[in-house]
Amino acid sequence: IIGSSGFPASAEAVIACAAMGVDIKAHRNKALSNELIKESDI
């Protein structure tokens, strides 16, 4: 909701997910928008 974009997931979040077998290294943050909400069913 703060509007920044292009930054990776925090190192700690990447490590926490990796321990669960989930890879989020490629993630880049994006800002919440009306368009994103409209195209989402949940």
PDB file of all heavy atoms in Angstrom:
ATOM      1  N   ILE A   1       0.802  -1.223   0.000  1.00  0.00           N
ATOM      2  CA  ILE A   1       0.000   0.000   0.000  1.00  0.00           C
ATOM      3  C   ILE A   1       0.841   1.282   0.000  1.00  0.00           C
ATOM      4  O   ILE A   1       0.307   2.363  -0.224  1.00  0.00           O
ATOM      5  CB  ILE A   1      -0.974   0.039   1.199  1.00  0.00           C
ATOM      6  CG1 ILE A   1      -0.215   0.121   2.534  1.00  0.00           C
ATOM      7  CG2 ILE A   1      -1.905  -1.157   1.178  1.00  0.00           C
ATOM      8  CD1 ILE A   1      -1.117   0.367   3.740  1.00  0.00           C
ATOM      9  N   ILE A   2       2.172   1.198   0.224  1.00  0.00           N
ATOM     10  CA  ILE A   2       2.955   2.442   0.333  1.00  0.00           C
ATOM     11  C   ILE A   2       3.410   2.991  -1.010  1.00  0.00           C
ATOM     12  O   ILE A   2       3.910   4.107  -1.085  1.00  0.00           O
ATOM     13  CB  ILE A   2       4.178   2.267   1.260  1.00  0.00           C
ATOM     14  CG1 ILE A   2       5.169   1.241   0.688  1.00  0.00           C
ATOM     15  CG2 ILE A   2       3.756   1.917   2.659  1.00  0.00           C
ATOM     16  CD1 ILE A   2       6.484   1.207   1.464  1.00  0.00           C
ATOM     17  N   GLY A   3       3.257   2.219  -2.083  1.00  0.00           N
ATOM     18  CA  GLY A   3       3.492   2.766  -3.410  1.00  0.00           C
ATOM     19  C   GLY A   3       4.864   2.569  -4.008  1.00  0.00           C
ATOM     20  O   GLY A   3       5.118   3.005  -5.121  1.00  0.00           O
ATOM     21  N   SER A   4       5.784   1.921  -3.313  1.00  0.00           N
ATOM     22  CA  SER A   4       7.115   1.693  -3.893  1.00  0.00           C
ATOM     23  C   SER A   4       7.073   0.490  -4.820  1.00  0.00           C
ATOM     24  O   SER A   4       6.173  -0.348  -4.747  1.00  0.00           O
ATOM     25  CB  SER A   4       8.143   1.464  -2.792  1.00  0.00           C
ATOM     26  OG  SER A   4       7.878   0.258  -2.092  1.00  0.00           O
ATOM     27  N   SER A   5       8.065   0.383  -5.694  1.00  0.00           N
ATOM     28  CA  SER A   5       8.097  -0.752  -6.622  1.00  0.00           C
ATOM     29  C   SER A   5       9.521  -1.042  -7.057  1.00  0.00           C
ATOM     30  O   SER A   5      10.394  -0.178  -7.017  1.00  0.00           O
ATOM     31  CB  SER A   5       7.228  -0.464  -7.850  1.00  0.00           C
ATOM     32  OG  SER A   5       7.719   0.667  -8.548  1.00  0.00           O
ATOM     33  N   GLY A   6       9.749  -2.305  -7.463  1.00  0.00           N
ATOM     34  CA  GLY A   6      11.040  -2.708  -8.009  1.00  0.00           C
ATOM     35  C   GLY A   6      12.022  -3.280  -7.019  1.00  0.00           C
ATOM     36  O   GLY A   6      13.108  -3.724  -7.401  1.00  0.00           O
ATOM     37  N   PHE A   7      11.665  -3.305  -5.724  1.00  0.00           N
ATOM     38  CA  PHE A   7      12.590  -3.821  -4.714  1.00  0.00           C
ATOM     39  C   PHE A   7      12.362  -5.317  -4.477  1.00  0.00           C
ATOM     40  O   PHE A   7      11.235  -5.797  -4.525  1.00  0.00           O
ATOM     41  CB  PHE A   7      12.422  -3.065  -3.393  1.00  0.00           C
ATOM     42  CG  PHE A   7      12.827  -1.617  -3.475  1.00  0.00           C
ATOM     43  CD1 PHE A   7      11.882  -0.633  -3.704  1.00  0.00           C
ATOM     44  CD2 PHE A   7      14.164  -1.253  -3.359  1.00  0.00           C
ATOM     45  CE1 PHE A   7      12.245   0.698  -3.790  1.00  0.00           C
ATOM     46  CE2 PHE A   7      14.547   0.076  -3.437  1.00  0.00           C
ATOM     47  CZ  PHE A   7      13.586   1.056  -3.667  1.00  0.00           C
ATOM     48  N   PRO A   8      13.420  -6.076  -4.190  1.00  0.00           N
ATOM     49  CA  PRO A   8      13.270  -7.512  -3.941  1.00  0.00           C
ATOM     50  C   PRO A   8      12.671  -7.781  -2.564  1.00  0.00           C
ATOM     51  O   PRO A   8      12.576  -6.883  -1.711  1.00  0.00           O
ATOM     52  CB  PRO A   8      14.703  -8.027  -4.017  1.00  0.00           C
ATOM     53  CG  PRO A   8      15.535  -6.854  -3.571  1.00  0.00           C
ATOM     54  CD  PRO A   8      14.832  -5.640  -4.117  1.00  0.00           C
ATOM     55  N   ALA A   9      12.272  -9.019  -2.352  1.00  0.00           N
ATOM     56  CA  ALA A   9      11.816  -9.434  -1.026  1.00  0.00           C
ATOM     57  C   ALA A   9      12.995  -9.344  -0.066  1.00  0.00           C
ATOM     58  O   ALA A   9      14.157  -9.510  -0.461  1.00  0.00           O
ATOM     59  CB  ALA A   9      11.283 -10.855  -1.075  1.00  0.00           C
ATOM     60  N   SER A  10      12.715  -9.073   1.181  1.00  0.00           N
ATOM     61  CA  SER A  10      13.795  -8.965   2.162  1.00  0.00           C
ATOM     62  C   SER A  10      14.536 -10.291   2.275  1.00  0.00           C
ATOM     63  O   SER A  10      13.954 -11.364   2.058  1.00  0.00           O
ATOM     64  CB  SER A  10      13.222  -8.585   3.529  1.00  0.00           C
ATOM     65  OG  SER A  10      12.458  -9.639   4.065  1.00  0.00           O
ATOM     66  N   ALA A  11      15.812 -10.216   2.619  1.00  0.00           N
ATOM     67  CA  ALA A  11      16.636 -11.429   2.727  1.00  0.00           C
ATOM     68  C   ALA A  11      16.038 -12.399   3.733  1.00  0.00           C
ATOM     69  O   ALA A  11      16.049 -13.620   3.527  1.00  0.00           O
ATOM     70  CB  ALA A  11      18.060 -11.051   3.129  1.00  0.00           C
ATOM     71  N   GLU A  12      15.516 -11.858   4.840  1.00  0.00           N
ATOM     72  CA  GLU A  12      14.936 -12.720   5.882  1.00  0.00           C
ATOM     73  C   GLU A  12      13.686 -13.454   5.367  1.00  0.00           C
ATOM     74  O   GLU A  12      13.462 -14.614   5.685  1.00  0.00           O
ATOM     75  CB  GLU A  12      14.576 -11.886   7.113  1.00  0.00           C
ATOM     76  CG  GLU A  12      15.776 -11.277   7.833  1.00  0.00           C
ATOM     77  CD  GLU A  12      16.176  -9.929   7.242  1.00  0.00           C
ATOM     78  OE1 GLU A  12      15.632  -9.538   6.178  1.00  0.00           O
ATOM     79  OE2 GLU A  12      17.048  -9.265   7.847  1.00  0.00           O
ATOM     80  N   ALA A  13      12.871 -12.746   4.548  1.00  0.00           N
ATOM     81  CA  ALA A  13      11.677 -13.375   3.982  1.00  0.00           C
ATOM     82  C   ALA A  13      12.056 -14.485   3.009  1.00  0.00           C
ATOM     83  O   ALA A  13      11.430 -15.553   2.972  1.00  0.00           O
ATOM     84  CB  ALA A  13      10.816 -12.333   3.281  1.00  0.00           C
ATOM     85  N   VAL A  14      13.096 -14.238   2.231  1.00  0.00           N
ATOM     86  CA  VAL A  14      13.584 -15.249   1.280  1.00  0.00           C
ATOM     87  C   VAL A  14      14.037 -16.494   2.036  1.00  0.00           C
ATOM     88  O   VAL A  14      13.716 -17.627   1.647  1.00  0.00           O
ATOM     89  CB  VAL A  14      14.727 -14.682   0.421  1.00  0.00           C
ATOM     90  CG1 VAL A  14      15.362 -15.796  -0.414  1.00  0.00           C
ATOM     91  CG2 VAL A  14      14.213 -13.570  -0.487  1.00  0.00           C
ATOM     92  N   ILE A  15      14.776 -16.296   3.127  1.00  0.00           N
ATOM     93  CA  ILE A  15      15.286 -17.429   3.922  1.00  0.00           C
ATOM     94  C   ILE A  15      14.138 -18.194   4.575  1.00  0.00           C
ATOM     95  O   ILE A  15      14.109 -19.430   4.557  1.00  0.00           O
ATOM     96  CB  ILE A  15      16.273 -16.918   4.991  1.00  0.00           C
ATOM     97  CG1 ILE A  15      17.550 -16.404   4.336  1.00  0.00           C
ATOM     98  CG2 ILE A  15      16.607 -18.022   5.998  1.00  0.00           C
ATOM     99  CD1 ILE A  15      18.472 -15.655   5.286  1.00  0.00           C
ATOM    100  N   ALA A  16      13.173 -17.467   5.135  1.00  0.00           N
ATOM    101  CA  ALA A  16      12.035 -18.113   5.796  1.00  0.00           C
ATOM    102  C   ALA A  16      11.240 -18.963   4.818  1.00  0.00           C
ATOM    103  O   ALA A  16      10.807 -20.075   5.149  1.00  0.00           O
ATOM    104  CB  ALA A  16      11.138 -17.060   6.440  1.00  0.00           C
ATOM    105  N   CYS A  17      11.054 -18.464   3.606  1.00  0.00           N
ATOM    106  CA  CYS A  17      10.303 -19.210   2.595  1.00  0.00           C
ATOM    107  C   CYS A  17      11.108 -20.407   2.073  1.00  0.00           C
ATOM    108  O   CYS A  17      10.558 -21.480   1.837  1.00  0.00           O
ATOM    109  CB  CYS A  17       9.920 -18.295   1.433  1.00  0.00           C
ATOM    110  SG  CYS A  17       8.500 -17.246   1.791  1.00  0.00           S
ATOM    111  N   ALA A  18      12.408 -20.200   1.897  1.00  0.00           N
ATOM    112  CA  ALA A  18      13.251 -21.290   1.400  1.00  0.00           C
ATOM    113  C   ALA A  18      13.195 -22.488   2.325  1.00  0.00           C
ATOM    114  O   ALA A  18      13.237 -23.645   1.870  1.00  0.00           O
ATOM    115  CB  ALA A  18      14.686 -20.800   1.243  1.00  0.00           C
ATOM    116  N   ALA A  19      13.089 -22.235   3.631  1.00  0.00           N
ATOM    117  CA  ALA A  19      12.991 -23.330   4.601  1.00  0.00           C
ATOM    118  C   ALA A  19      11.717 -24.142   4.400  1.00  0.00           C
ATOM    119  O   ALA A  19      11.624 -25.288   4.853  1.00  0.00           O
ATOM    120  CB  ALA A  19      13.036 -22.768   6.022  1.00  0.00           C
ATOM    121  N   MET A  20      10.730 -23.570   3.717  1.00  0.00           N
ATOM    122  CA  MET A  20       9.464 -24.259   3.437  1.00  0.00           C
ATOM    123  C   MET A  20       9.421 -24.810   2.009  1.00  0.00           C
ATOM    124  O   MET A  20       8.396 -25.308   1.566  1.00  0.00           O
ATOM    125  CB  MET A  20       8.289 -23.285   3.625  1.00  0.00           C
ATOM    126  CG  MET A  20       8.119 -22.769   5.021  1.00  0.00           C
ATOM    127  SD  MET A  20       6.750 -21.571   5.073  1.00  0.00           S
ATOM    128  CE  MET A  20       6.655 -21.303   6.847  1.00  0.00           C
ATOM    129  N   GLY A  21      10.531 -24.670   1.299  1.00  0.00           N
ATOM    130  CA  GLY A  21      10.556 -25.138  -0.084  1.00  0.00           C
ATOM    131  C   GLY A  21       9.917 -24.165  -1.050  1.00  0.00           C
ATOM    132  O   GLY A  21       9.466 -24.554  -2.129  1.00  0.00           O
ATOM    133  N   VAL A  22       9.880 -22.884  -0.673  1.00  0.00           N
ATOM    134  CA  VAL A  22       9.263 -21.849  -1.507  1.00  0.00           C
ATOM    135  C   VAL A  22      10.330 -20.836  -1.924  1.00  0.00           C
ATOM    136  O   VAL A  22      11.034 -20.286  -1.072  1.00  0.00           O
ATOM    137  CB  VAL A  22       8.129 -21.132  -0.747  1.00  0.00           C
ATOM    138  CG1 VAL A  22       7.575 -19.967  -1.570  1.00  0.00           C
ATOM    139  CG2 VAL A  22       7.014 -22.108  -0.397  1.00  0.00           C
ATOM    140  N   ASP A  23      10.447 -20.589  -3.203  1.00  0.00           N
ATOM    141  CA  ASP A  23      11.473 -19.684  -3.729  1.00  0.00           C
ATOM    142  C   ASP A  23      10.852 -18.352  -4.121  1.00  0.00           C
ATOM    143  O   ASP A  23      10.043 -18.280  -5.061  1.00  0.00           O
ATOM    144  CB  ASP A  23      12.136 -20.327  -4.950  1.00  0.00           C
ATOM    145  CG  ASP A  23      13.291 -19.502  -5.511  1.00  0.00           C
ATOM    146  OD1 ASP A  23      13.555 -18.403  -4.971  1.00  0.00           O
ATOM    147  OD2 ASP A  23      13.922 -19.944  -6.490  1.00  0.00           O
ATOM    148  N   ILE A  24      11.199 -17.266  -3.395  1.00  0.00           N
ATOM    149  CA  ILE A  24      10.681 -15.941  -3.747  1.00  0.00           C
ATOM    150  C   ILE A  24      11.814 -14.976  -4.104  1.00  0.00           C
ATOM    151  O   ILE A  24      11.633 -13.759  -4.062  1.00  0.00           O
ATOM    152  CB  ILE A  24       9.804 -15.360  -2.613  1.00  0.00           C
ATOM    153  CG1 ILE A  24      10.621 -15.176  -1.315  1.00  0.00           C
ATOM    154  CG2 ILE A  24       8.581 -16.218  -2.358  1.00  0.00           C
ATOM    155  CD1 ILE A  24       9.882 -14.384  -0.246  1.00  0.00           C
ATOM    156  N   LYS A  25      12.956 -15.514  -4.482  1.00  0.00           N
ATOM    157  CA  LYS A  25      14.119 -14.669  -4.805  1.00  0.00           C
ATOM    158  C   LYS A  25      13.847 -13.736  -5.985  1.00  0.00           C
ATOM    159  O   LYS A  25      14.401 -12.653  -6.062  1.00  0.00           O
ATOM    160  CB  LYS A  25      15.336 -15.540  -5.104  1.00  0.00           C
ATOM    161  CG  LYS A  25      15.920 -16.260  -3.898  1.00  0.00           C
ATOM    162  CD  LYS A  25      17.298 -16.817  -4.165  1.00  0.00           C
ATOM    163  CE  LYS A  25      17.309 -17.869  -5.258  1.00  0.00           C
ATOM    164  NZ  LYS A  25      16.607 -19.119  -4.849  1.00  0.00           N
ATOM    165  N   ALA A  26      13.018 -14.176  -6.910  1.00  0.00           N
ATOM    166  CA  ALA A  26      12.759 -13.364  -8.109  1.00  0.00           C
ATOM    167  C   ALA A  26      11.719 -12.274  -7.871  1.00  0.00           C
ATOM    168  O   ALA A  26      11.473 -11.440  -8.753  1.00  0.00           O
ATOM    169  CB  ALA A  26      12.300 -14.265  -9.255  1.00  0.00           C
ATOM    170  N   HIS A  27      11.125 -12.243  -6.692  1.00  0.00           N
ATOM    171  CA  HIS A  27      10.066 -11.265  -6.415  1.00  0.00           C
ATOM    172  C   HIS A  27      10.576  -9.828  -6.481  1.00  0.00           C
ATOM    173  O   HIS A  27      11.680  -9.522  -6.009  1.00  0.00           O
ATOM    174  CB  HIS A  27       9.474 -11.518  -5.024  1.00  0.00           C
ATOM    175  CG  HIS A  27       8.499 -10.466  -4.601  1.00  0.00           C
ATOM    176  ND1 HIS A  27       7.198 -10.434  -5.028  1.00  0.00           N
ATOM    177  CD2 HIS A  27       8.652  -9.377  -3.781  1.00  0.00           C
ATOM    178  CE1 HIS A  27       6.578  -9.392  -4.496  1.00  0.00           C
ATOM    179  NE2 HIS A  27       7.439  -8.728  -3.736  1.00  0.00           N
ATOM    180  N   ARG A  28       9.766  -8.951  -7.059  1.00  0.00           N
ATOM    181  CA  ARG A  28      10.015  -7.513  -7.035  1.00  0.00           C
ATOM    182  C   ARG A  28       8.713  -6.837  -6.615  1.00  0.00           C
ATOM    183  O   ARG A  28       7.644  -7.144  -7.154  1.00  0.00           O
ATOM    184  CB  ARG A  28      10.464  -6.997  -8.402  1.00  0.00           C
ATOM    185  CG  ARG A  28      11.824  -7.528  -8.846  1.00  0.00           C
ATOM    186  CD  ARG A  28      12.948  -7.074  -7.913  1.00  0.00           C
ATOM    187  NE  ARG A  28      14.264  -7.565  -8.308  1.00  0.00           N
ATOM    188  CZ  ARG A  28      14.791  -8.717  -7.891  1.00  0.00           C
ATOM    189  NH1 ARG A  28      14.086  -9.506  -7.079  1.00  0.00           N
ATOM    190  NH2 ARG A  28      15.993  -9.090  -8.285  1.00  0.00           N
ATOM    191  N   ASN A  29       8.807  -5.938  -5.669  1.00  0.00           N
ATOM    192  CA  ASN A  29       7.573  -5.385  -5.108  1.00  0.00           C
ATOM    193  C   ASN A  29       6.863  -4.450  -6.076  1.00  0.00           C
ATOM    194  O   ASN A  29       7.452  -3.905  -7.008  1.00  0.00           O
ATOM    195  CB  ASN A  29       7.850  -4.685  -3.772  1.00  0.00           C
ATOM    196  CG  ASN A  29       8.488  -3.310  -3.930  1.00  0.00           C
ATOM    197  OD1 ASN A  29       9.201  -3.049  -4.896  1.00  0.00           O
ATOM    198  ND2 ASN A  29       8.243  -2.439  -2.966  1.00  0.00           N
ATOM    199  N   LYS A  30       5.570  -4.295  -5.864  1.00  0.00           N
ATOM    200  CA  LYS A  30       4.763  -3.404  -6.694  1.00  0.00           C
ATOM    201  C   LYS A  30       3.742  -2.702  -5.828  1.00  0.00           C
ATOM    202  O   LYS A  30       3.391  -3.162  -4.733  1.00  0.00           O
ATOM    203  CB  LYS A  30       4.073  -4.182  -7.825  1.00  0.00           C
ATOM    204  CG  LYS A  30       3.067  -5.207  -7.378  1.00  0.00           C
ATOM    205  CD  LYS A  30       2.398  -5.901  -8.568  1.00  0.00           C
ATOM    206  CE  LYS A  30       3.319  -6.850  -9.287  1.00  0.00           C
ATOM    207  NZ  LYS A  30       3.661  -8.036  -8.460  1.00  0.00           N
ATOM    208  N   ALA A  31       3.249  -1.584  -6.317  1.00  0.00           N
ATOM    209  CA  ALA A  31       2.278  -0.782  -5.567  1.00  0.00           C
ATOM    210  C   ALA A  31       0.862  -1.288  -5.819  1.00  0.00           C
ATOM    211  O   ALA A  31       0.514  -1.688  -6.937  1.00  0.00           O
ATOM    212  CB  ALA A  31       2.386   0.686  -5.986  1.00  0.00           C
ATOM    213  N   LEU A  32       0.060  -1.273  -4.770  1.00  0.00           N
ATOM    214  CA  LEU A  32      -1.357  -1.620  -4.896  1.00  0.00           C
ATOM    215  C   LEU A  32      -2.041  -0.603  -5.807  1.00  0.00           C
ATOM    216  O   LEU A  32      -1.794   0.604  -5.709  1.00  0.00           O
ATOM    217  CB  LEU A  32      -2.021  -1.594  -3.522  1.00  0.00           C
ATOM    218  CG  LEU A  32      -3.503  -1.971  -3.469  1.00  0.00           C
ATOM    219  CD1 LEU A  32      -3.701  -3.427  -3.839  1.00  0.00           C
ATOM    220  CD2 LEU A  32      -4.075  -1.679  -2.078  1.00  0.00           C
ATOM    221  N   SER A  33      -2.869  -1.096  -6.703  1.00  0.00           N
ATOM    222  CA  SER A  33      -3.575  -0.209  -7.624  1.00  0.00           C
ATOM    223  C   SER A  33      -5.016  -0.660  -7.790  1.00  0.00           C
ATOM    224  O   SER A  33      -5.371  -1.809  -7.502  1.00  0.00           O
ATOM    225  CB  SER A  33      -2.898  -0.206  -9.002  1.00  0.00           C
ATOM    226  OG  SER A  33      -3.016  -1.484  -9.610  1.00  0.00           O
ATOM    227  N   ASN A  34      -5.832   0.254  -8.271  1.00  0.00           N
ATOM    228  CA  ASN A  34      -7.227  -0.064  -8.560  1.00  0.00           C
ATOM    229  C   ASN A  34      -7.320  -1.190  -9.581  1.00  0.00           C
ATOM    230  O   ASN A  34      -8.160  -2.089  -9.465  1.00  0.00           O
ATOM    231  CB  ASN A  34      -7.926   1.197  -9.073  1.00  0.00           C
ATOM    232  CG  ASN A  34      -9.391   0.986  -9.370  1.00  0.00           C
ATOM    233  OD1 ASN A  34      -9.747   0.640 -10.487  1.00  0.00           O
ATOM    234  ND2 ASN A  34     -10.231   1.203  -8.385  1.00  0.00           N
ATOM    235  N   GLU A  35      -6.425  -1.160 -10.567  1.00  0.00           N
ATOM    236  CA  GLU A  35      -6.435  -2.188 -11.618  1.00  0.00           C
ATOM    237  C   GLU A  35      -6.142  -3.573 -11.037  1.00  0.00           C
ATOM    238  O   GLU A  35      -6.807  -4.558 -11.385  1.00  0.00           O
ATOM    239  CB  GLU A  35      -5.403  -1.839 -12.687  1.00  0.00           C
ATOM    240  CG  GLU A  35      -5.368  -2.821 -13.856  1.00  0.00           C
ATOM    241  CD  GLU A  35      -4.324  -2.455 -14.900  1.00  0.00           C
ATOM    242  OE1 GLU A  35      -3.669  -1.408 -14.748  1.00  0.00           O
ATOM    243  OE2 GLU A  35      -4.173  -3.224 -15.854  1.00  0.00           O
ATOM    244  N   LEU A  36      -5.143  -3.665 -10.165  1.00  0.00           N
ATOM    245  CA  LEU A  36      -4.807  -4.948  -9.541  1.00  0.00           C
ATOM    246  C   LEU A  36      -5.984  -5.500  -8.745  1.00  0.00           C
ATOM    247  O   LEU A  36      -6.260  -6.700  -8.766  1.00  0.00           O
ATOM    248  CB  LEU A  36      -3.608  -4.783  -8.611  1.00  0.00           C
ATOM    249  CG  LEU A  36      -2.205  -4.998  -9.186  1.00  0.00           C
ATOM    250  CD1 LEU A  36      -1.162  -4.674  -8.127  1.00  0.00           C
ATOM    251  CD2 LEU A  36      -2.043  -6.423  -9.702  1.00  0.00           C
ATOM    252  N   ILE A  37      -6.662  -4.623  -8.038  1.00  0.00           N
ATOM    253  CA  ILE A  37      -7.809  -5.061  -7.233  1.00  0.00           C
ATOM    254  C   ILE A  37      -8.940  -5.543  -8.132  1.00  0.00           C
ATOM    255  O   ILE A  37      -9.547  -6.589  -7.890  1.00  0.00           O
ATOM    256  CB  ILE A  37      -8.300  -3.924  -6.321  1.00  0.00           C
ATOM    257  CG1 ILE A  37      -7.192  -3.492  -5.360  1.00  0.00           C
ATOM    258  CG2 ILE A  37      -9.528  -4.361  -5.525  1.00  0.00           C
ATOM    259  CD1 ILE A  37      -7.486  -2.202  -4.624  1.00  0.00           C
ATOM    260  N   LYS A  38      -9.225  -4.789  -9.181  1.00  0.00           N
ATOM    261  CA  LYS A  38     -10.333  -5.134 -10.070  1.00  0.00           C
ATOM    262  C   LYS A  38     -10.144  -6.483 -10.744  1.00  0.00           C
ATOM    263  O   LYS A  38     -11.112  -7.210 -10.990  1.00  0.00           O
ATOM    264  CB  LYS A  38     -10.517  -4.049 -11.134  1.00  0.00           C
ATOM    265  CG  LYS A  38     -11.270  -2.827 -10.632  1.00  0.00           C
ATOM    266  CD  LYS A  38     -11.588  -1.879 -11.776  1.00  0.00           C
ATOM    267  CE  LYS A  38     -12.504  -0.759 -11.314  1.00  0.00           C
ATOM    268  NZ  LYS A  38     -12.877   0.157 -12.412  1.00  0.00           N
ATOM    269  N   GLU A  39      -8.892  -6.830 -11.075  1.00  0.00           N
ATOM    270  CA  GLU A  39      -8.661  -8.097 -11.772  1.00  0.00           C
ATOM    271  C   GLU A  39      -8.526  -9.282 -10.804  1.00  0.00           C
ATOM    272  O   GLU A  39      -8.294 -10.402 -11.235  1.00  0.00           O
ATOM    273  CB  GLU A  39      -7.422  -8.002 -12.657  1.00  0.00           C
ATOM    274  CG  GLU A  39      -6.109  -7.860 -11.920  1.00  0.00           C
ATOM    275  CD  GLU A  39      -4.913  -7.677 -12.828  1.00  0.00           C
ATOM    276  OE1 GLU A  39      -5.079  -7.181 -13.954  1.00  0.00           O
ATOM    277  OE2 GLU A  39      -3.797  -8.041 -12.404  1.00  0.00           O
ATOM    278  N   SER A  40      -8.695  -9.015  -9.501  1.00  0.00           N
ATOM    279  CA  SER A  40      -8.569 -10.070  -8.488  1.00  0.00           C
ATOM    280  C   SER A  40      -9.940 -10.501  -7.982  1.00  0.00           C
ATOM    281  O   SER A  40     -10.775  -9.664  -7.646  1.00  0.00           O
ATOM    282  CB  SER A  40      -7.721  -9.579  -7.309  1.00  0.00           C
ATOM    283  OG  SER A  40      -6.432  -9.210  -7.748  1.00  0.00           O
ATOM    284  N   ASP A  41     -10.145 -11.804  -7.942  1.00  0.00           N
ATOM    285  CA  ASP A  41     -11.417 -12.346  -7.457  1.00  0.00           C
ATOM    286  C   ASP A  41     -11.439 -12.487  -5.945  1.00  0.00           C
ATOM    287  O   ASP A  41     -12.495 -12.447  -5.325  1.00  0.00           O
ATOM    288  CB  ASP A  41     -11.673 -13.709  -8.112  1.00  0.00           C
ATOM    289  CG  ASP A  41     -11.728 -13.592  -9.620  1.00  0.00           C
ATOM    290  OD1 ASP A  41     -12.755 -13.122 -10.128  1.00  0.00           O
ATOM    291  OD2 ASP A  41     -10.730 -13.932 -10.285  1.00  0.00           O
ATOM    292  N   ILE A  42     -10.259 -12.668  -5.350  1.00  0.00           N
ATOM    293  CA  ILE A  42     -10.123 -12.731  -3.904  1.00  0.00           C
ATOM    294  C   ILE A  42      -8.905 -11.909  -3.521  1.00  0.00           C
ATOM    295  O   ILE A  42      -7.847 -12.029  -4.136  1.00  0.00           O
ATOM    296  CB  ILE A  42      -9.937 -14.174  -3.390  1.00  0.00           C
ATOM    297  CG1 ILE A  42     -11.054 -15.089  -3.899  1.00  0.00           C
ATOM    298  CG2 ILE A  42      -9.910 -14.199  -1.863  1.00  0.00           C
ATOM    299  CD1 ILE A  42     -10.839 -16.553  -3.570  1.00  0.00           C
TER     300      ILE A  42
END
